[in-house]
Structures are given as structure tokens and as C-alpha cells.
């Protein structure tokens, strides 16, 4: 019983909080904005798919706002750069 309680406590502290996944509406908006900027449907399809697994709903809003010309808040800047690097690894392997 002690082992079970200890394991449960460890998992509680080790597991990150589950954030909501981006919505399909956000994915569609991401794709639309991306294509509007790049005219590259293949890249934007890949990046929209990658975003669904790399970031959460809140951060998808940050990314879309940034694509529209905004800047991420200071608290989101490192996470934004990490997201861009990871999505480029997935969608532009030789980048």
C-alpha cells in the first residue's frame, strides 16, 4: 500500500498539467493565415498538423497572433522559439 501511495504521489508531481489541445477551428485559422503569408500549402498543412501535437490551445492563439504580426509576450518568447524550431524539424527536416 505504501508503494502505491508513493507512486501516486510521484506521478502527481512528475506529470505535467494536461492542457487543452488546439481546436479544429484554430487549426483551420492557422492554415489560412500560414497560406496567406507563404502561399505554400504543403508546408502549411504540415505546420498545422504539427501544431496540433506540439502546442496547446492557449499557445496556438499566441502562434496565430504572431503569424498575424503580433509578438509573443515576454513570458512566451522562449516557448515560441522552441515551437518554431520543433515545427521546422518536423516540416523542414533539412532546414
N, C-alpha and C. Protein backbone atom coordinates (compact mmCIF):
# COMPACT_ATOMS: atom_id res chain seq x y z
N UNK A 1 0.81 -1.18 0.00
CA UNK A 1 0.00 0.00 0.00
C UNK A 1 0.87 1.26 0.00
N UNK A 2 1.96 1.24 0.75
CA UNK A 2 2.86 2.39 0.78
C UNK A 2 3.43 2.66 -0.60
N UNK A 3 3.78 1.59 -1.31
CA UNK A 3 4.34 1.73 -2.64
C UNK A 3 3.34 2.42 -3.57
N UNK A 4 2.09 2.02 -3.50
CA UNK A 4 1.05 2.60 -4.35
C UNK A 4 0.89 4.09 -4.04
N UNK A 5 0.85 4.45 -2.77
CA UNK A 5 0.73 5.85 -2.40
C UNK A 5 1.94 6.65 -2.84
N UNK A 6 3.12 6.07 -2.68
CA UNK A 6 4.34 6.76 -3.09
C UNK A 6 4.36 6.95 -4.61
N UNK A 7 3.97 5.92 -5.34
CA UNK A 7 3.94 6.01 -6.80
C UNK A 7 2.92 7.04 -7.25
N UNK A 8 1.77 7.06 -6.62
CA UNK A 8 0.73 8.03 -6.97
C UNK A 8 1.22 9.46 -6.70
N UNK A 9 1.88 9.65 -5.58
CA UNK A 9 2.41 10.98 -5.26
C UNK A 9 3.47 11.40 -6.27
N UNK A 10 4.34 10.48 -6.63
CA UNK A 10 5.39 10.77 -7.60
C UNK A 10 4.79 11.15 -8.94
N UNK A 11 3.79 10.42 -9.39
CA UNK A 11 3.14 10.72 -10.66
C UNK A 11 2.44 12.07 -10.62
N UNK A 12 1.88 12.41 -9.50
CA UNK A 12 1.20 13.69 -9.37
C UNK A 12 2.17 14.84 -9.59
N UNK A 13 3.38 14.71 -9.06
CA UNK A 13 4.36 15.78 -9.20
C UNK A 13 5.13 15.70 -10.51
N UNK A 14 5.27 14.53 -11.08
CA UNK A 14 6.07 14.35 -12.29
C UNK A 14 5.27 14.65 -13.55
N UNK A 15 3.99 14.40 -13.55
CA UNK A 15 3.17 14.58 -14.75
C UNK A 15 2.82 16.06 -14.93
N UNK A 16 3.02 16.57 -16.14
CA UNK A 16 2.63 17.96 -16.37
C UNK A 16 1.11 18.09 -16.39
N UNK A 17 0.65 19.28 -16.12
CA UNK A 17 -0.80 19.51 -16.17
C UNK A 17 -1.26 19.33 -17.61
N UNK A 18 -2.38 18.68 -17.76
CA UNK A 18 -2.90 18.45 -19.10
C UNK A 18 -3.62 19.70 -19.58
N UNK A 19 -3.12 20.25 -20.66
CA UNK A 19 -3.73 21.44 -21.24
C UNK A 19 -4.62 21.01 -22.39
N UNK A 20 -5.57 21.83 -22.72
CA UNK A 20 -6.48 21.53 -23.81
C UNK A 20 -5.74 21.58 -25.14
N UNK A 21 -6.02 20.62 -25.98
CA UNK A 21 -5.42 20.60 -27.31
C UNK A 21 -6.00 21.74 -28.14
N UNK A 22 -5.26 22.19 -29.15
CA UNK A 22 -5.82 23.21 -30.04
C UNK A 22 -7.12 22.70 -30.67
N UNK A 23 -7.99 23.61 -31.01
CA UNK A 23 -9.25 23.23 -31.62
C UNK A 23 -9.09 23.10 -33.14
N UNK A 24 -10.05 22.44 -33.74
CA UNK A 24 -10.05 22.33 -35.20
C UNK A 24 -10.21 23.72 -35.84
N UNK A 25 -10.95 24.60 -35.18
CA UNK A 25 -11.11 25.97 -35.69
C UNK A 25 -9.76 26.70 -35.69
N UNK A 26 -8.99 26.49 -34.62
CA UNK A 26 -7.66 27.10 -34.56
C UNK A 26 -6.76 26.52 -35.65
N UNK A 27 -6.85 25.23 -35.86
CA UNK A 27 -6.04 24.59 -36.90
C UNK A 27 -6.38 25.19 -38.26
N UNK A 28 -7.67 25.38 -38.54
CA UNK A 28 -8.09 25.96 -39.81
C UNK A 28 -7.60 27.41 -39.94
N UNK A 29 -7.68 28.17 -38.85
CA UNK A 29 -7.20 29.55 -38.88
C UNK A 29 -5.70 29.59 -39.08
N UNK A 30 -4.98 28.73 -38.39
CA UNK A 30 -3.53 28.63 -38.55
C UNK A 30 -3.20 28.41 -40.02
N UNK A 31 -3.85 27.41 -40.62
CA UNK A 31 -3.59 27.06 -42.02
C UNK A 31 -3.88 28.25 -42.93
N UNK A 32 -5.01 28.89 -42.73
CA UNK A 32 -5.41 30.02 -43.56
C UNK A 32 -4.41 31.17 -43.48
N UNK A 33 -3.98 31.50 -42.27
CA UNK A 33 -3.01 32.58 -42.09
C UNK A 33 -1.67 32.18 -42.69
N UNK A 34 -1.26 30.96 -42.47
CA UNK A 34 0.02 30.47 -43.00
C UNK A 34 0.05 30.54 -44.52
N UNK A 35 -0.99 30.04 -45.16
CA UNK A 35 -1.04 30.07 -46.63
C UNK A 35 -1.09 31.51 -47.13
N UNK A 36 -1.80 32.36 -46.41
CA UNK A 36 -1.84 33.77 -46.79
C UNK A 36 -0.47 34.43 -46.77
N UNK A 37 0.39 33.96 -45.88
CA UNK A 37 1.74 34.51 -45.76
C UNK A 37 2.70 33.87 -46.75
N UNK A 38 2.67 32.53 -46.80
CA UNK A 38 3.71 31.81 -47.55
C UNK A 38 3.29 31.30 -48.92
N UNK A 39 2.00 31.16 -49.15
CA UNK A 39 1.49 30.55 -50.39
C UNK A 39 1.98 29.12 -50.58
N UNK A 40 2.42 28.48 -49.50
CA UNK A 40 2.96 27.12 -49.56
C UNK A 40 2.00 26.17 -48.84
N UNK A 41 1.09 25.57 -49.60
CA UNK A 41 0.06 24.72 -48.99
C UNK A 41 0.65 23.48 -48.34
N UNK A 42 1.68 22.91 -48.94
CA UNK A 42 2.31 21.71 -48.37
C UNK A 42 2.93 22.01 -47.00
N UNK A 43 3.68 23.09 -46.93
CA UNK A 43 4.31 23.47 -45.67
C UNK A 43 3.25 23.81 -44.62
N UNK A 44 2.25 24.57 -45.02
CA UNK A 44 1.22 24.99 -44.06
C UNK A 44 0.38 23.81 -43.57
N UNK A 45 0.14 22.85 -44.43
CA UNK A 45 -0.57 21.64 -44.00
C UNK A 45 0.25 20.91 -42.94
N UNK A 46 1.54 20.76 -43.18
CA UNK A 46 2.42 20.09 -42.23
C UNK A 46 2.50 20.88 -40.91
N UNK A 47 2.69 22.19 -41.01
CA UNK A 47 2.83 23.00 -39.80
C UNK A 47 1.53 23.00 -38.98
N UNK A 48 0.38 23.03 -39.65
CA UNK A 48 -0.89 22.99 -38.93
C UNK A 48 -1.05 21.66 -38.20
N UNK A 49 -0.69 20.57 -38.86
CA UNK A 49 -0.75 19.25 -38.22
C UNK A 49 0.22 19.17 -37.05
N UNK A 50 1.43 19.65 -37.24
CA UNK A 50 2.45 19.61 -36.19
C UNK A 50 2.00 20.43 -34.97
N UNK A 51 1.41 21.58 -35.22
CA UNK A 51 0.97 22.44 -34.12
C UNK A 51 -0.04 21.72 -33.22
N UNK A 52 -0.84 20.85 -33.80
CA UNK A 52 -1.85 20.14 -33.03
C UNK A 52 -1.24 19.23 -31.96
N UNK A 53 -0.01 18.80 -32.17
CA UNK A 53 0.64 17.92 -31.20
C UNK A 53 1.74 18.61 -30.40
N UNK A 54 2.24 19.73 -30.91
CA UNK A 54 3.36 20.40 -30.23
C UNK A 54 2.93 21.44 -29.21
N UNK A 55 1.75 22.02 -29.38
CA UNK A 55 1.32 23.12 -28.51
C UNK A 55 -0.13 22.92 -28.05
N UNK A 56 -0.52 23.70 -27.06
CA UNK A 56 -1.89 23.60 -26.55
C UNK A 56 -2.76 24.72 -27.11
N UNK A 57 -4.01 24.71 -26.71
CA UNK A 57 -4.99 25.66 -27.22
C UNK A 57 -4.58 27.11 -26.96
N UNK A 58 -4.15 27.40 -25.75
CA UNK A 58 -3.75 28.77 -25.42
C UNK A 58 -2.57 29.21 -26.28
N UNK A 59 -1.58 28.33 -26.41
CA UNK A 59 -0.39 28.71 -27.14
C UNK A 59 -0.65 28.79 -28.63
N UNK A 60 -1.62 28.03 -29.13
CA UNK A 60 -1.99 28.15 -30.55
C UNK A 60 -2.45 29.57 -30.84
N UNK A 61 -3.16 30.18 -29.88
CA UNK A 61 -3.59 31.57 -30.05
C UNK A 61 -2.39 32.51 -30.12
N UNK A 62 -1.37 32.23 -29.33
CA UNK A 62 -0.13 33.02 -29.34
C UNK A 62 0.53 32.91 -30.71
N UNK A 63 0.61 31.69 -31.22
CA UNK A 63 1.26 31.45 -32.51
C UNK A 63 0.50 32.15 -33.63
N UNK A 64 -0.81 32.00 -33.65
CA UNK A 64 -1.62 32.63 -34.70
C UNK A 64 -1.48 34.16 -34.64
N UNK A 65 -1.54 34.72 -33.44
CA UNK A 65 -1.38 36.17 -33.29
C UNK A 65 -0.01 36.61 -33.80
N UNK A 66 1.01 35.83 -33.54
CA UNK A 66 2.36 36.15 -34.00
C UNK A 66 2.45 36.09 -35.53
N UNK A 67 1.79 35.09 -36.11
CA UNK A 67 1.78 34.98 -37.57
C UNK A 67 1.07 36.17 -38.21
N UNK A 68 0.14 36.76 -37.48
CA UNK A 68 -0.60 37.93 -37.99
C UNK A 68 0.15 39.23 -37.74
N UNK A 69 1.36 39.14 -37.18
CA UNK A 69 2.17 40.34 -36.98
C UNK A 69 2.39 40.75 -35.55
N UNK A 70 1.76 40.05 -34.62
CA UNK A 70 1.97 40.35 -33.21
C UNK A 70 3.28 39.77 -32.71
N UNK A 71 3.59 40.06 -31.48
CA UNK A 71 4.78 39.50 -30.84
C UNK A 71 4.36 38.71 -29.62
N UNK A 72 5.00 37.57 -29.38
CA UNK A 72 4.67 36.83 -28.16
C UNK A 72 5.03 37.66 -26.93
N UNK A 73 4.28 37.47 -25.87
CA UNK A 73 4.61 38.10 -24.60
C UNK A 73 5.98 37.61 -24.15
N UNK A 74 6.65 38.40 -23.35
CA UNK A 74 7.98 38.02 -22.87
C UNK A 74 7.98 36.63 -22.23
N UNK A 75 6.93 36.31 -21.50
CA UNK A 75 6.84 35.02 -20.83
C UNK A 75 6.70 33.86 -21.81
N UNK A 76 6.25 34.14 -23.04
CA UNK A 76 6.05 33.11 -24.06
C UNK A 76 7.17 33.04 -25.09
N UNK A 77 8.11 33.96 -25.01
CA UNK A 77 9.11 34.08 -26.06
C UNK A 77 9.95 32.82 -26.25
N UNK A 78 10.48 32.27 -25.18
CA UNK A 78 11.30 31.05 -25.30
C UNK A 78 10.47 29.88 -25.81
N UNK A 79 9.26 29.73 -25.31
CA UNK A 79 8.39 28.65 -25.76
C UNK A 79 8.04 28.82 -27.24
N UNK A 80 7.84 30.05 -27.66
CA UNK A 80 7.54 30.32 -29.07
C UNK A 80 8.72 29.90 -29.95
N UNK A 81 9.92 30.30 -29.57
CA UNK A 81 11.11 29.92 -30.35
C UNK A 81 11.29 28.41 -30.38
N UNK A 82 11.02 27.76 -29.26
CA UNK A 82 11.12 26.29 -29.21
C UNK A 82 10.09 25.66 -30.14
N UNK A 83 8.86 26.18 -30.12
CA UNK A 83 7.82 25.66 -31.02
C UNK A 83 8.25 25.81 -32.48
N UNK A 84 8.75 26.99 -32.86
CA UNK A 84 9.15 27.22 -34.25
C UNK A 84 10.25 26.23 -34.64
N UNK A 85 11.22 26.04 -33.77
CA UNK A 85 12.31 25.11 -34.07
C UNK A 85 11.79 23.68 -34.22
N UNK A 86 10.90 23.25 -33.33
CA UNK A 86 10.36 21.88 -33.41
C UNK A 86 9.50 21.69 -34.64
N UNK A 87 8.68 22.69 -34.97
CA UNK A 87 7.83 22.54 -36.15
C UNK A 87 8.68 22.55 -37.41
N UNK A 88 9.77 23.30 -37.41
CA UNK A 88 10.68 23.28 -38.55
C UNK A 88 11.37 21.92 -38.66
N UNK A 89 11.74 21.31 -37.54
CA UNK A 89 12.34 19.97 -37.58
C UNK A 89 11.40 18.97 -38.23
N UNK A 90 10.12 19.09 -37.93
CA UNK A 90 9.13 18.17 -38.46
C UNK A 90 8.84 18.46 -39.93
N UNK A 91 8.65 19.72 -40.27
CA UNK A 91 8.16 20.09 -41.59
C UNK A 91 9.23 20.52 -42.59
N UNK A 92 10.41 20.83 -42.10
CA UNK A 92 11.53 21.24 -42.96
C UNK A 92 12.78 20.54 -42.46
N UNK A 93 12.84 19.22 -42.59
CA UNK A 93 13.92 18.44 -41.96
C UNK A 93 15.34 18.92 -42.27
N UNK A 94 15.59 19.48 -43.43
CA UNK A 94 16.94 19.93 -43.77
C UNK A 94 17.15 21.41 -43.56
N UNK A 95 16.24 22.03 -42.80
CA UNK A 95 16.26 23.48 -42.56
C UNK A 95 17.37 23.85 -41.64
